[in-house]
C-alpha atoms as a PDB file:
ATOM      1  CA  UNK A   1     107.546 109.388 115.746  1.00  0.00           C
ATOM      2  CA  UNK A   2     109.032 105.893 115.633  1.00  0.00           C
ATOM      3  CA  UNK A   3     107.376 103.932 112.749  1.00  0.00           C
ATOM      4  CA  UNK A   4     106.498 100.987 115.008  1.00  0.00           C
ATOM      5  CA  UNK A   5     104.867 103.247 117.598  1.00  0.00           C
ATOM      6  CA  UNK A   6     102.978 105.007 114.832  1.00  0.00           C
ATOM      7  CA  UNK A   7     101.891 101.595 113.535  1.00  0.00           C
ATOM      8  CA  UNK A   8     100.513 100.635 116.941  1.00  0.00           C
ATOM      9  CA  UNK A   9      98.724 103.985 117.132  1.00  0.00           C
ATOM     10  CA  UNK A  10      97.094 103.360 113.746  1.00  0.00           C
ATOM     11  CA  UNK A  11      96.226  99.789 114.760  1.00  0.00           C
ATOM     12  CA  UNK A  12      94.624 100.812 118.051  1.00  0.00           C
ATOM     13  CA  UNK A  13      92.658 103.505 116.220  1.00  0.00           C
ATOM     14  CA  UNK A  14      91.343 101.038 113.642  1.00  0.00           C
ATOM     15  CA  UNK A  15      90.329  98.357 116.132  1.00  0.00           C
ATOM     16  CA  UNK A  16      88.805 100.856 118.563  1.00  0.00           C
ATOM     17  CA  UNK A  17      86.585 102.213 115.786  1.00  0.00           C
ATOM     18  CA  UNK A  18      85.594  98.688 114.726  1.00  0.00           C
ATOM     19  CA  UNK A  19      85.025  97.708 118.364  1.00  0.00           C
ATOM     20  CA  UNK A  20      82.531 100.504 119.018  1.00  0.00           C
ATOM     21  CA  UNK A  21      80.910 100.303 115.570  1.00  0.00           C
ATOM     22  CA  UNK A  22      77.769  98.554 116.960  1.00  0.00           C
ATOM     23  CA  UNK A  23      76.884 101.781 118.808  1.00  0.00           C
ATOM     24  CA  UNK A  24      77.032 103.698 115.536  1.00  0.00           C
ATOM     25  CA  UNK A  25      74.874 101.144 113.720  1.00  0.00           C
ATOM     26  CA  UNK A  26      72.233 101.252 116.455  1.00  0.00           C
ATOM     27  CA  UNK A  27      71.926 105.005 115.851  1.00  0.00           C
ATOM     28  CA  UNK A  28      70.955 104.369 112.211  1.00  0.00           C
ATOM     29  CA  UNK A  29      67.642 102.770 113.112  1.00  0.00           C
ATOM     30  CA  UNK A  30      64.788 102.902 112.060  1.00  0.00           C
ATOM     31  CA  UNK A  31      66.572 102.326 108.718  1.00  0.00           C
ATOM     32  CA  UNK A  32      66.527  98.611 107.887  1.00  0.00           C
ATOM     33  CA  UNK A  33      69.695  96.517 107.448  1.00  0.00           C
ATOM     34  CA  UNK A  34      69.601  96.534 103.631  1.00  0.00           C
ATOM     35  CA  UNK A  35      69.012 100.293 103.484  1.00  0.00           C
ATOM     36  CA  UNK A  36      71.940 100.862 105.860  1.00  0.00           C
ATOM     37  CA  UNK A  37      74.115  98.557 103.748  1.00  0.00           C
ATOM     38  CA  UNK A  38      73.173 100.433 100.570  1.00  0.00           C
ATOM     39  CA  UNK A  39      74.010 103.796 102.129  1.00  0.00           C
ATOM     40  CA  UNK A  40      77.285 102.408 103.475  1.00  0.00           C
ATOM     41  CA  UNK A  41      78.274 101.325  99.958  1.00  0.00           C
ATOM     42  CA  UNK A  42      77.213 104.518  98.171  1.00  0.00           C
ATOM     43  CA  UNK A  43      78.803 106.922 100.647  1.00  0.00           C
ATOM     44  CA  UNK A  44      81.973 104.808 100.805  1.00  0.00           C
ATOM     45  CA  UNK A  45      82.382 105.317  97.054  1.00  0.00           C
ATOM     46  CA  UNK A  46      81.836 109.063  97.424  1.00  0.00           C
ATOM     47  CA  UNK A  47      84.212 109.437 100.385  1.00  0.00           C
ATOM     48  CA  UNK A  48      87.059 107.389  98.899  1.00  0.00           C
ATOM     49  CA  UNK A  49      86.646 109.056  95.475  1.00  0.00           C
ATOM     50  CA  UNK A  50      87.179 112.446  97.133  1.00  0.00           C
ATOM     51  CA  UNK A  51      90.170 111.056  99.005  1.00  0.00           C
ATOM     52  CA  UNK A  52      91.747 109.632  95.848  1.00  0.00           C
ATOM     53  CA  UNK A  53      91.075 112.864  93.966  1.00  0.00           C
ATOM     54  CA  UNK A  54      92.827 114.804  96.733  1.00  0.00           C
ATOM     55  CA  UNK A  55      95.744 112.367  96.460  1.00  0.00           C
ATOM     56  CA  UNK A  56      95.620 112.653  92.642  1.00  0.00           C
ATOM     57  CA  UNK A  57      95.530 108.892  92.397  1.00  0.00           C
ATOM     58  CA  UNK A  58      92.593 108.239  90.063  1.00  0.00           C
ATOM     59  CA  UNK A  59      94.908 107.085  87.247  1.00  0.00           C
ATOM     60  CA  UNK A  60      95.131 103.560  88.694  1.00  0.00           C
ATOM     61  CA  UNK A  61      91.663 102.856  87.229  1.00  0.00           C
ATOM     62  CA  UNK A  62      93.029 102.944  83.665  1.00  0.00           C
ATOM     63  CA  UNK A  63      95.637 100.304  84.461  1.00  0.00           C
ATOM     64  CA  UNK A  64      93.066  98.213  86.309  1.00  0.00           C
ATOM     65  CA  UNK A  65      90.664  98.266  83.347  1.00  0.00           C
ATOM     66  CA  UNK A  66      93.249  96.346  81.312  1.00  0.00           C
ATOM     67  CA  UNK A  67      93.329  93.466  83.823  1.00  0.00           C
ATOM     68  CA  UNK A  68      90.058  91.502  83.439  1.00  0.00           C
ATOM     69  CA  UNK A  69      91.120  88.689  85.796  1.00  0.00           C
ATOM     70  CA  UNK A  70      91.857  91.227  88.518  1.00  0.00           C
ATOM     71  CA  UNK A  71      88.474  92.865  87.930  1.00  0.00           C
ATOM     72  CA  UNK A  72      86.780  89.471  88.276  1.00  0.00           C
ATOM     73  CA  UNK A  73      88.594  88.856  91.563  1.00  0.00           C
ATOM     74  CA  UNK A  74      87.536  92.310  92.775  1.00  0.00           C
ATOM     75  CA  UNK A  75      83.941  91.319  91.987  1.00  0.00           C
ATOM     76  CA  UNK A  76      84.342  88.248  94.223  1.00  0.00           C
ATOM     77  CA  UNK A  77      85.866  90.387  97.002  1.00  0.00           C
ATOM     78  CA  UNK A  78      83.003  92.880  96.660  1.00  0.00           C
ATOM     79  CA  UNK A  79      80.398  90.119  96.999  1.00  0.00           C
ATOM     80  CA  UNK A  80      82.118  88.694 100.090  1.00  0.00           C
ATOM     81  CA  UNK A  81      82.423  92.059 101.833  1.00  0.00           C
ATOM     82  CA  UNK A  82      78.785  92.870 101.002  1.00  0.00           C
ATOM     83  CA  UNK A  83      77.717  89.602 102.668  1.00  0.00           C
ATOM     84  CA  UNK A  84      79.937  90.438 105.652  1.00  0.00           C
ATOM     85  CA  UNK A  85      78.676  94.006 106.030  1.00  0.00           C
ATOM     86  CA  UNK A  86      75.044  93.027 105.543  1.00  0.00           C
ATOM     87  CA  UNK A  87      75.248  90.167 108.048  1.00  0.00           C
ATOM     88  CA  UNK A  88      76.951  92.383 110.609  1.00  0.00           C
ATOM     89  CA  UNK A  89      74.379  95.174 110.258  1.00  0.00           C
ATOM     90  CA  UNK A  90      71.542  92.671 110.546  1.00  0.00           C
ATOM     91  CA  UNK A  91      73.121  91.081 113.620  1.00  0.00           C
ATOM     92  CA  UNK A  92      73.642  94.376 115.429  1.00  0.00           C
ATOM     93  CA  UNK A  93      70.199  95.760 114.677  1.00  0.00           C
ATOM     94  CA  UNK A  94      68.465  92.498 115.622  1.00  0.00           C
ATOM     95  CA  UNK A  95      70.105  92.692 119.089  1.00  0.00           C
ATOM     96  CA  UNK A  96      72.675  89.939 118.468  1.00  0.00           C
ATOM     97  CA  UNK A  97      75.884  91.908 118.997  1.00  0.00           C
ATOM     98  CA  UNK A  98      77.336  89.105 121.142  1.00  0.00           C
ATOM     99  CA  UNK A  99      76.972  86.634 118.279  1.00  0.00           C
ATOM    100  CA  UNK A 100      78.600  89.051 115.826  1.00  0.00           C
ATOM    101  CA  UNK A 101      81.542  89.425 118.244  1.00  0.00           C
ATOM    102  CA  UNK A 102      81.835  85.635 118.274  1.00  0.00           C
ATOM    103  CA  UNK A 103      82.237  85.722 114.492  1.00  0.00           C
ATOM    104  CA  UNK A 104      85.330  87.895 114.715  1.00  0.00           C
ATOM    105  CA  UNK A 105      86.774  85.776 117.531  1.00  0.00           C
ATOM    106  CA  UNK A 106      86.378  82.697 115.301  1.00  0.00           C
ATOM    107  CA  UNK A 107      87.763  84.470 112.217  1.00  0.00           C
ATOM    108  CA  UNK A 108      91.500  83.727 112.823  1.00  0.00           C
ATOM    109  CA  UNK A 109      90.698  80.026 113.143  1.00  0.00           C
ATOM    110  CA  UNK A 110      88.730  80.101 109.886  1.00  0.00           C
ATOM    111  CA  UNK A 111      91.689  81.795 108.179  1.00  0.00           C
ATOM    112  CA  UNK A 112      93.854  78.839 109.237  1.00  0.00           C
ATOM    113  CA  UNK A 113      91.187  76.442 107.959  1.00  0.00           C
ATOM    114  CA  UNK A 114      91.137  78.147 104.551  1.00  0.00           C
ATOM    115  CA  UNK A 115      94.910  77.915 104.481  1.00  0.00           C
ATOM    116  CA  UNK A 116      94.600  74.121 104.722  1.00  0.00           C
ATOM    117  CA  UNK A 117      91.814  73.580 102.191  1.00  0.00           C
ATOM    118  CA  UNK A 118      92.502  76.392  99.711  1.00  0.00           C
ATOM    119  CA  UNK A 119      96.246  77.051  99.913  1.00  0.00           C
ATOM    120  CA  UNK A 120      97.188  73.449 100.870  1.00  0.00           C
ATOM    121  CA  UNK A 121      99.183  74.633 103.868  1.00  0.00           C
ATOM    122  CA  UNK A 122     100.423  72.197 106.503  1.00  0.00           C
ATOM    123  CA  UNK A 123      99.449  72.930 110.080  1.00  0.00           C
ATOM    124  CA  UNK A 124     101.573  72.534 113.155  1.00  0.00           C
ATOM    125  CA  UNK A 125     100.177  70.340 115.983  1.00  0.00           C
ATOM    126  CA  UNK A 126      99.252  73.392 118.084  1.00  0.00           C
ATOM    127  CA  UNK A 127      97.247  74.822 115.184  1.00  0.00           C
ATOM    128  CA  UNK A 128      95.328  71.549 114.829  1.00  0.00           C
ATOM    129  CA  UNK A 129      94.662  71.639 118.582  1.00  0.00           C
ATOM    130  CA  UNK A 130      93.348  75.212 118.324  1.00  0.00           C
ATOM    131  CA  UNK A 131      91.018  74.202 115.485  1.00  0.00           C
ATOM    132  CA  UNK A 132      89.769  71.223 117.515  1.00  0.00           C
ATOM    133  CA  UNK A 133      88.998  73.409 120.529  1.00  0.00           C
ATOM    134  CA  UNK A 134      87.304  75.952 118.210  1.00  0.00           C
ATOM    135  CA  UNK A 135      85.118  73.194 116.735  1.00  0.00           C
ATOM    136  CA  UNK A 136      84.160  72.084 120.255  1.00  0.00           C
ATOM    137  CA  UNK A 137      83.206  75.680 121.042  1.00  0.00           C
ATOM    138  CA  UNK A 138      80.872  75.796 118.030  1.00  0.00           C
ATOM    139  CA  UNK A 139      79.199  72.573 119.236  1.00  0.00           C
ATOM    140  CA  UNK A 140      78.698  74.019 122.756  1.00  0.00           C
ATOM    141  CA  UNK A 141      77.300  77.270 121.354  1.00  0.00           C
ATOM    142  CA  UNK A 142      75.009  75.354 118.983  1.00  0.00           C
ATOM    143  CA  UNK A 143      73.518  73.518 121.971  1.00  0.00           C
ATOM    144  CA  UNK A 144      73.153  76.811 123.863  1.00  0.00           C
ATOM    145  CA  UNK A 145      71.502  78.699 120.994  1.00  0.00           C
ATOM    146  CA  UNK A 146      69.433  75.677 119.900  1.00  0.00           C
ATOM    147  CA  UNK A 147      70.814  76.228 116.368  1.00  0.00           C
ATOM    148  CA  UNK A 148      74.115  76.796 114.624  1.00  0.00           C
ATOM    149  CA  UNK A 149      75.511  80.275 115.390  1.00  0.00           C
ATOM    150  CA  UNK A 150      75.043  81.046 111.697  1.00  0.00           C
ATOM    151  CA  UNK A 151      75.557  84.796 112.007  1.00  0.00           C
ATOM    152  CA  UNK A 152      78.956  84.270 113.620  1.00  0.00           C
ATOM    153  CA  UNK A 153      79.960  81.608 111.091  1.00  0.00           C
ATOM    154  CA  UNK A 154      78.817  83.739 108.131  1.00  0.00           C
ATOM    155  CA  UNK A 155      80.834  86.701 109.416  1.00  0.00           C
ATOM    156  CA  UNK A 156      83.921  84.556 110.038  1.00  0.00           C
ATOM    157  CA  UNK A 157      83.894  82.750 106.680  1.00  0.00           C
ATOM    158  CA  UNK A 158      82.966  85.794 104.581  1.00  0.00           C
ATOM    159  CA  UNK A 159      85.689  87.961 106.141  1.00  0.00           C
ATOM    160  CA  UNK A 160      88.293  85.190 105.941  1.00  0.00           C
ATOM    161  CA  UNK A 161      87.421  84.635 102.273  1.00  0.00           C
ATOM    162  CA  UNK A 162      87.571  88.376 101.642  1.00  0.00           C
ATOM    163  CA  UNK A 163      91.008  88.531 103.270  1.00  0.00           C
ATOM    164  CA  UNK A 164      92.230  85.651 101.106  1.00  0.00           C
ATOM    165  CA  UNK A 165      91.082  87.334  97.884  1.00  0.00           C
ATOM    166  CA  UNK A 166      92.506  90.695  98.989  1.00  0.00           C
ATOM    167  CA  UNK A 167      95.861  89.117  99.786  1.00  0.00           C
ATOM    168  CA  UNK A 168      96.084  87.729  96.253  1.00  0.00           C
ATOM    169  CA  UNK A 169      94.991  91.033  94.692  1.00  0.00           C
ATOM    170  CA  UNK A 170      97.496  93.134  96.619  1.00  0.00           C
ATOM    171  CA  UNK A 171      95.621  96.415  96.080  1.00  0.00           C
ATOM    172  CA  UNK A 172      96.233  99.372  98.443  1.00  0.00           C
ATOM    173  CA  UNK A 173      93.461  99.974 100.990  1.00  0.00           C
ATOM    174  CA  UNK A 174      91.885 103.113  99.499  1.00  0.00           C
ATOM    175  CA  UNK A 175      92.023 101.920  95.886  1.00  0.00           C
ATOM    176  CA  UNK A 176      90.702  98.482  96.798  1.00  0.00           C
ATOM    177  CA  UNK A 177      87.801  99.848  98.846  1.00  0.00           C
ATOM    178  CA  UNK A 178      86.869 102.289  96.066  1.00  0.00           C
ATOM    179  CA  UNK A 179      86.701  99.629  93.351  1.00  0.00           C
ATOM    180  CA  UNK A 180      84.878  97.112  95.552  1.00  0.00           C
ATOM    181  CA  UNK A 181      82.309  99.696  96.590  1.00  0.00           C
ATOM    182  CA  UNK A 182      81.966 100.921  93.013  1.00  0.00           C
ATOM    183  CA  UNK A 183      81.106  97.373  91.895  1.00  0.00           C
ATOM    184  CA  UNK A 184      78.272  97.342  94.448  1.00  0.00           C
ATOM    185  CA  UNK A 185      77.200 100.963  93.979  1.00  0.00           C
ATOM    186  CA  UNK A 186      74.781 100.427  91.072  1.00  0.00           C
ATOM    187  CA  UNK A 187      72.596  97.802  92.811  1.00  0.00           C
ATOM    188  CA  UNK A 188      72.816  99.859  96.026  1.00  0.00           C
ATOM    189  CA  UNK A 189      71.572 103.000  94.238  1.00  0.00           C
ATOM    190  CA  UNK A 190      68.849 100.987  92.512  1.00  0.00           C
ATOM    191  CA  UNK A 191      67.651  99.672  95.878  1.00  0.00           C
ATOM    192  CA  UNK A 192      67.640 103.153  97.438  1.00  0.00           C
ATOM    193  CA  UNK A 193      65.695 104.477  94.452  1.00  0.00           C
ATOM    194  CA  UNK A 194      63.165 101.643  94.798  1.00  0.00           C
ATOM    195  CA  UNK A 195      62.738 102.437  98.501  1.00  0.00           C
ATOM    196  CA  UNK A 196      62.206 106.127  97.718  1.00  0.00           C
ATOM    197  CA  UNK A 197      59.546 105.363  95.091  1.00  0.00           C
ATOM    198  CA  UNK A 198      57.680 103.187  97.594  1.00  0.00           C
ATOM    199  CA  UNK A 199      57.898 105.928 100.218  1.00  0.00           C
ATOM    200  CA  UNK A 200      59.793 103.588 102.568  1.00  0.00           C
ATOM    201  CA  UNK A 201      63.153 105.391 102.587  1.00  0.00           C
ATOM    202  CA  UNK A 202      64.225 106.838 105.935  1.00  0.00           C
ATOM    203  CA  UNK A 203      66.836 109.116 104.313  1.00  0.00           C
ATOM    204  CA  UNK A 204      65.749 112.712 104.916  1.00  0.00           C
ATOM    205  CA  UNK A 205      62.522 111.621 106.640  1.00  0.00           C
ATOM    206  CA  UNK A 206      63.561 110.884 110.244  1.00  0.00           C
ATOM    207  CA  UNK A 207      65.750 113.784 111.346  1.00  0.00           C
ATOM    208  CA  UNK A 208      68.698 115.845 110.187  1.00  0.00           C
ATOM    209  CA  UNK A 209      70.970 113.943 112.564  1.00  0.00           C
ATOM    210  CA  UNK A 210      69.825 110.586 111.199  1.00  0.00           C
ATOM    211  CA  UNK A 211      70.421 111.733 107.613  1.00  0.00           C
ATOM    212  CA  UNK A 212      73.923 112.961 108.473  1.00  0.00           C
ATOM    213  CA  UNK A 213      74.731 109.672 110.186  1.00  0.00           C
ATOM    214  CA  UNK A 214      73.739 107.752 107.044  1.00  0.00           C
ATOM    215  CA  UNK A 215      75.972 110.013 104.940  1.00  0.00           C
ATOM    216  CA  UNK A 216      78.872 109.580 107.374  1.00  0.00           C
ATOM    217  CA  UNK A 217      78.617 105.783 107.057  1.00  0.00           C
ATOM    218  CA  UNK A 218      81.073 106.074 104.162  1.00  0.00           C
ATOM    219  CA  UNK A 219      83.724 107.741 106.309  1.00  0.00           C
ATOM    220  CA  UNK A 220      82.974 105.352 109.182  1.00  0.00           C
ATOM    221  CA  UNK A 221      83.728 102.487 106.790  1.00  0.00           C
ATOM    222  CA  UNK A 222      86.835 103.912 105.110  1.00  0.00           C
ATOM    223  CA  UNK A 223      88.715 105.524 108.011  1.00  0.00           C
ATOM    224  CA  UNK A 224      89.372 102.347 110.071  1.00  0.00           C
ATOM    225  CA  UNK A 225      90.396 100.479 106.899  1.00  0.00           C
ATOM    226  CA  UNK A 226      92.924 103.196 106.062  1.00  0.00           C
ATOM    227  CA  UNK A 227      94.221 103.176 109.647  1.00  0.00           C
ATOM    228  CA  UNK A 228      94.544  99.392 109.460  1.00  0.00           C
ATOM    229  CA  UNK A 229      96.529  99.677 106.224  1.00  0.00           C
ATOM    230  CA  UNK A 230      98.863 102.156 107.932  1.00  0.00           C
ATOM    231  CA  UNK A 231      99.346  99.719 110.820  1.00  0.00           C
ATOM    232  CA  UNK A 232      99.921  96.726 108.529  1.00  0.00           C
ATOM    233  CA  UNK A 233     102.691  98.581 106.702  1.00  0.00           C
ATOM    234  CA  UNK A 234     104.579  99.359 109.935  1.00  0.00           C
ATOM    235  CA  UNK A 235     103.999  96.465 112.344  1.00  0.00           C
ATOM    236  CA  UNK A 236     105.284  92.894 112.415  1.00  0.00           C
ATOM    237  CA  UNK A 237     102.622  90.272 111.783  1.00  0.00           C
ATOM    238  CA  UNK A 238     102.761  89.080 115.405  1.00  0.00           C
ATOM    239  CA  UNK A 239     102.023  92.589 116.703  1.00  0.00           C
ATOM    240  CA  UNK A 240      99.146  93.053 114.296  1.00  0.00           C
ATOM    241  CA  UNK A 241      97.810  89.616 115.199  1.00  0.00           C
ATOM    242  CA  UNK A 242      97.637  90.508 118.884  1.00  0.00           C
ATOM    243  CA  UNK A 243      95.747  93.728 118.137  1.00  0.00           C
ATOM    244  CA  UNK A 244      93.028  91.964 116.125  1.00  0.00           C
ATOM    245  CA  UNK A 245      91.342  90.641 119.285  1.00  0.00           C
ATOM    246  CA  UNK A 246      90.676  94.164 120.558  1.00  0.00           C
ATOM    247  CA  UNK A 247      87.679  94.735 118.253  1.00  0.00           C
ATOM    248  CA  UNK A 248      85.626  91.620 119.188  1.00  0.00           C
ATOM    249  CA  UNK A 249      86.432  92.157 122.886  1.00  0.00           C
ATOM    250  CA  UNK A 250      84.973  95.668 122.648  1.00  0.00           C
ATOM    251  CA  UNK A 251      82.014  94.411 120.589  1.00  0.00           C
ATOM    252  CA  UNK A 252      81.310  91.755 123.207  1.00  0.00           C
ATOM    253  CA  UNK A 253      81.487  94.436 125.893  1.00  0.00           C
ATOM    254  CA  UNK A 254      79.019  96.573 123.941  1.00  0.00           C
ATOM    255  CA  UNK A 255      76.627  93.646 123.621  1.00  0.00           C
ATOM    256  CA  UNK A 256      76.708  92.602 127.281  1.00  0.00           C
ATOM    257  CA  UNK A 257      77.355  95.872 129.151  1.00  0.00           C
ATOM    258  CA  UNK A 258      75.659  98.502 126.964  1.00  0.00           C
ATOM    259  CA  UNK A 259      72.893  96.609 125.159  1.00  0.00           C
ATOM    260  CA  UNK A 260      72.325  94.102 128.007  1.00  0.00           C
ATOM    261  CA  UNK A 261      72.254  91.005 125.809  1.00  0.00           C
ATOM    262  CA  UNK A 262      72.114  87.711 127.762  1.00  0.00           C
ATOM    263  CA  UNK A 263      75.259  85.694 128.495  1.00  0.00           C
ATOM    264  CA  UNK A 264      74.070  82.455 130.152  1.00  0.00           C
ATOM    265  CA  UNK A 265      76.651  80.020 131.606  1.00  0.00           C
ATOM    266  CA  UNK A 266      76.572  77.666 128.586  1.00  0.00           C
ATOM    267  CA  UNK A 267      77.230  80.550 126.188  1.00  0.00           C
ATOM    268  CA  UNK A 268      80.032  81.810 128.397  1.00  0.00           C
ATOM    269  CA  UNK A 269      81.541  78.300 128.333  1.00  0.00           C
ATOM    270  CA  UNK A 270      81.428  78.343 124.538  1.00  0.00           C
ATOM    271  CA  UNK A 271      83.173  81.698 124.431  1.00  0.00           C
ATOM    272  CA  UNK A 272      85.752  80.431 126.940  1.00  0.00           C
ATOM    273  CA  UNK A 273      86.580  77.549 124.585  1.00  0.00           C
ATOM    274  CA  UNK A 274      86.986  80.009 121.712  1.00  0.00           C
ATOM    275  CA  UNK A 275      89.327  82.125 123.844  1.00  0.00           C
ATOM    276  CA  UNK A 276      91.321  79.003 124.789  1.00  0.00           C
ATOM    277  CA  UNK A 277      91.675  78.139 121.112  1.00  0.00           C
ATOM    278  CA  UNK A 278      92.861  81.683 120.366  1.00  0.00           C
ATOM    279  CA  UNK A 279      95.406  81.562 123.205  1.00  0.00           C
ATOM    280  CA  UNK A 280      96.852  78.313 121.831  1.00  0.00           C
ATOM    281  CA  UNK A 281      96.832  79.726 118.303  1.00  0.00           C
ATOM    282  CA  UNK A 282      98.481  83.024 119.310  1.00  0.00           C
ATOM    283  CA  UNK A 283     101.183  81.473 121.506  1.00  0.00           C
ATOM    284  CA  UNK A 284     102.070  79.067 118.714  1.00  0.00           C
ATOM    285  CA  UNK A 285     102.251  81.913 116.189  1.00  0.00           C
ATOM    286  CA  UNK A 286     104.517  83.993 118.463  1.00  0.00           C
ATOM    287  CA  UNK A 287     106.767  81.002 119.184  1.00  0.00           C
ATOM    288  CA  UNK A 288     107.026  80.128 115.499  1.00  0.00           C
ATOM    289  CA  UNK A 289     107.834  83.747 114.585  1.00  0.00           C
ATOM    290  CA  UNK A 290     110.639  83.860 117.148  1.00  0.00           C
ATOM    291  CA  UNK A 291     111.984  80.501 115.950  1.00  0.00           C
ATOM    292  CA  UNK A 292     111.973  81.715 112.345  1.00  0.00           C
ATOM    293  CA  UNK A 293     113.799  84.923 113.257  1.00  0.00           C
ATOM    294  CA  UNK A 294     116.424  82.975 115.183  1.00  0.00           C
ATOM    295  CA  UNK A 295     116.931  80.562 112.279  1.00  0.00           C
ATOM    296  CA  UNK A 296     117.339  83.355 109.729  1.00  0.00           C
ATOM    297  CA  UNK A 297     119.566  85.551 111.905  1.00  0.00           C
ATOM    298  CA  UNK A 298     123.101  85.625 110.418  1.00  0.00           C
ATOM    299  CA  UNK A 299     125.704  83.955 112.581  1.00  0.00           C
ATOM    300  CA  UNK A 300     129.015  85.679 113.201  1.00  0.00           C
ATOM    301  CA  UNK A 301     131.950  83.324 112.527  1.00  0.00           C
ATOM    302  CA  UNK A 302     134.241  82.684 115.464  1.00  0.00           C
ATOM    303  CA  UNK A 303     137.206  84.030 113.486  1.00  0.00           C
ATOM    304  CA  UNK A 304     135.435  87.391 113.169  1.00  0.00           C
ATOM    305  CA  UNK A 305     136.087  88.186 116.842  1.00  0.00           C
ATOM    306  CA  UNK A 306     138.953  90.695 117.023  1.00  0.00           C
ATOM    307  CA  UNK A 307     142.083  89.404 118.750  1.00  0.00           C
ATOM    308  CA  UNK A 308     143.572  91.645 121.451  1.00  0.00           C
ATOM    309  CA  UNK A 309     147.016  92.987 120.589  1.00  0.00           C
END
């Protein structure tokens, strides 16, 4: 299969799984958000360890142990992804799927914002306009909710920060997920043990299906990340950027159509402003990519044209 087509197939697979992930999380109740998070961490370690063992790629840990600064950065990435996962699980299981979808719509704008304040990047006028419209959307949604949409903002900033750290680390998807989960595994196991001692653990006490779903949380976490890595290695950035909106669109659909969460006119107006900001942002990114390609394309000298004889 053509590598680009395969990349799109991987990308669609990853974002479809992420888009319908709220349905999976709802099935894990009556487990609480922290218990679900702990199981997600522990079983992610187990699943990826088996995968790396099958690939005979455990040796990277020895090289990593000799890089303390990298290990410290992995600790930061692990903390950020734990905040992101925990916030998302809490949002879904407290019937706020729509607000969690908003977080992933806002995320590309937050990435641009971090580029300005952390990487000292200069923005083009269209990017500033997109950020301005995004800020207006947050104001409208704050008025609608009667509070800041803190779940959405926490998801957007934690995932953008995680992406920034991961970009600097440059670790492959499976290896990175294994080490990040391993950093969190000890406190996760301690929490699960504490729950079991108090008799409050749902693992093995609800049903066989519920127990299996908790175990499969590791695979449900790792598989879309591995598919995403496969897509990122084969697709241009513009193609991958267009795909990223599929997941929050599906999550929003789950919230409104499946879980029947409210979408009053003011909230819809706030979302519309976010979508407008994303349209401006995406069109500018596509235009800039095309301009860059044109500028870097080698020009054929006029004398290179063969002369008829």
